Amino acid sequence: MMGPALPPGAVGQEMLACGLLGGVLGAARAVLPTRGRAAFLPDLLFVGCVLMALQGYAVSQSQAGQLRGYMALAAFCAAGAVQAGLRPLFAEAEALAGRHNTGCCWGL
């Protein structure tokens, strides 16, 4: 059963809040493995965390009082965008750290 329709301003505000939640979780996901068996658990946890955060927001703060499709769409789109933007930066930083890691400054 659908809840009452919200005014466009309230929908926009909720999409922004859900987008921010998704963006934060996308940033966390950007530092974890993306391929192979090592990526299964982070992906599973990522999707579960996004959905739990959205459900918690929807129940406690949302004017709709329930999770709606546009909330999930905003969160997952923001998470994907943040992850896609940060992953190359983290990969470059890791490569740079690997090139400059010549051992301890004491030569041990």
Protein backbone atom coordinates (compact mmCIF):
# COMPACT_ATOMS: atom_id res chain seq x y z
CA MET A 1 0.00 0.00 0.00
CA MET A 2 1.38 3.38 -1.02
CA GLY A 3 1.59 6.23 1.44
CA PRO A 4 0.39 9.71 0.66
CA ALA A 5 2.07 11.61 -2.18
CA LEU A 6 4.72 14.08 -1.06
CA PRO A 7 5.28 17.57 -2.44
CA PRO A 8 8.23 17.82 -4.89
CA GLY A 9 10.32 19.77 -2.35
CA ALA A 10 10.02 16.98 0.21
CA VAL A 11 10.89 14.34 -2.39
CA GLY A 12 13.97 16.32 -3.39
CA GLN A 13 15.03 16.70 0.23
CA GLU A 14 14.66 12.96 0.83
CA MET A 15 16.58 12.12 -2.36
CA LEU A 16 19.40 14.40 -1.22
CA ALA A 17 19.54 12.77 2.21
CA CYS A 18 19.55 9.28 0.71
CA GLY A 19 22.16 10.35 -1.83
CA LEU A 20 24.42 11.53 0.98
CA LEU A 21 23.99 8.21 2.81
CA GLY A 22 24.83 6.33 -0.36
CA GLY A 23 27.80 8.57 -1.09
CA VAL A 24 29.34 7.93 2.30
CA LEU A 25 28.94 4.19 1.88
CA GLY A 26 30.26 4.39 -1.69
CA ALA A 27 33.40 6.10 -0.40
CA ALA A 28 33.91 3.28 2.08
CA ARG A 29 33.36 0.71 -0.68
CA ALA A 30 35.97 2.36 -2.92
CA VAL A 31 38.84 1.13 -0.76
CA LEU A 32 37.76 -2.53 -0.75
CA PRO A 33 38.52 -5.21 -3.41
CA THR A 34 36.38 -5.20 -6.56
CA ARG A 35 37.20 -8.46 -8.31
CA GLY A 36 37.26 -12.14 -7.52
CA ARG A 37 36.30 -13.91 -4.35
CA ALA A 38 37.67 -11.11 -2.18
CA ALA A 39 34.94 -8.78 -3.50
CA PHE A 40 31.93 -10.95 -2.60
CA LEU A 41 31.77 -10.15 1.11
CA PRO A 42 32.41 -6.39 0.70
CA ASP A 43 29.69 -6.23 -1.98
CA LEU A 44 27.26 -8.11 0.21
CA LEU A 45 28.01 -5.90 3.21
CA PHE A 46 27.84 -2.77 1.07
CA VAL A 47 24.37 -3.52 -0.28
CA GLY A 48 23.14 -4.57 3.17
CA CYS A 49 24.52 -1.41 4.79
CA VAL A 50 22.96 0.85 2.17
CA LEU A 51 19.58 -0.81 2.54
CA MET A 52 19.72 -0.76 6.37
CA ALA A 53 20.73 2.91 6.39
CA LEU A 54 17.92 3.76 3.99
CA GLN A 55 15.36 1.81 5.96
CA GLY A 56 16.46 3.49 9.17
CA TYR A 57 16.23 6.90 7.54
CA ALA A 58 12.86 6.15 5.99
CA VAL A 59 11.32 5.00 9.24
CA SER A 60 12.76 7.67 11.52
CA GLN A 61 13.29 10.85 9.48
CA SER A 62 11.41 10.58 6.20
CA GLN A 63 8.16 12.44 5.68
CA ALA A 64 6.92 9.40 3.76
CA GLY A 65 7.46 7.11 6.75
CA GLN A 66 8.47 4.20 4.54
CA LEU A 67 11.19 3.25 2.09
CA ARG A 68 10.35 4.28 -1.44
CA GLY A 69 11.95 3.47 -4.76
CA TYR A 70 13.36 6.94 -5.39
CA MET A 71 15.24 6.74 -2.08
CA ALA A 72 17.02 3.54 -3.08
CA LEU A 73 17.68 4.89 -6.57
CA ALA A 74 19.26 8.08 -5.18
CA ALA A 75 21.41 6.17 -2.67
CA PHE A 76 22.75 3.55 -5.07
CA CYS A 77 23.40 6.10 -7.84
CA ALA A 78 25.32 8.34 -5.44
CA ALA A 79 27.23 5.36 -4.03
CA GLY A 80 28.22 4.22 -7.51
CA ALA A 81 29.29 7.70 -8.56
CA VAL A 82 31.40 8.30 -5.46
CA GLN A 83 32.97 4.84 -5.70
CA ALA A 84 33.76 5.33 -9.40
CA GLY A 85 35.29 8.73 -8.70
CA LEU A 86 37.41 7.68 -5.73
CA ARG A 87 38.63 4.26 -6.89
CA PRO A 88 41.16 5.65 -9.44
CA LEU A 89 42.48 8.07 -6.82
CA PHE A 90 43.00 5.27 -4.30
CA ALA A 91 44.62 3.07 -6.97
CA GLU A 92 47.03 5.86 -7.91
CA ALA A 93 47.87 6.55 -4.26
CA GLU A 94 48.52 2.85 -3.69
CA ALA A 95 50.75 2.67 -6.76
CA LEU A 96 52.62 5.80 -5.67
CA ALA A 97 53.11 4.39 -2.18
CA GLY A 98 54.40 1.13 -3.68
CA ARG A 99 56.95 2.97 -5.83
CA HIS A 100 58.27 5.00 -2.91
CA ASN A 101 58.27 2.19 -0.36
CA THR A 102 61.96 1.35 -0.27
CA GLY A 103 61.92 0.01 3.25
CA CYS A 104 62.42 1.58 6.61
CA CYS A 105 64.43 4.75 6.95
CA TRP A 106 66.96 2.84 9.08
CA GLY A 107 67.63 0.34 6.35
CA LEU A 108 66.28 -2.65 8.26
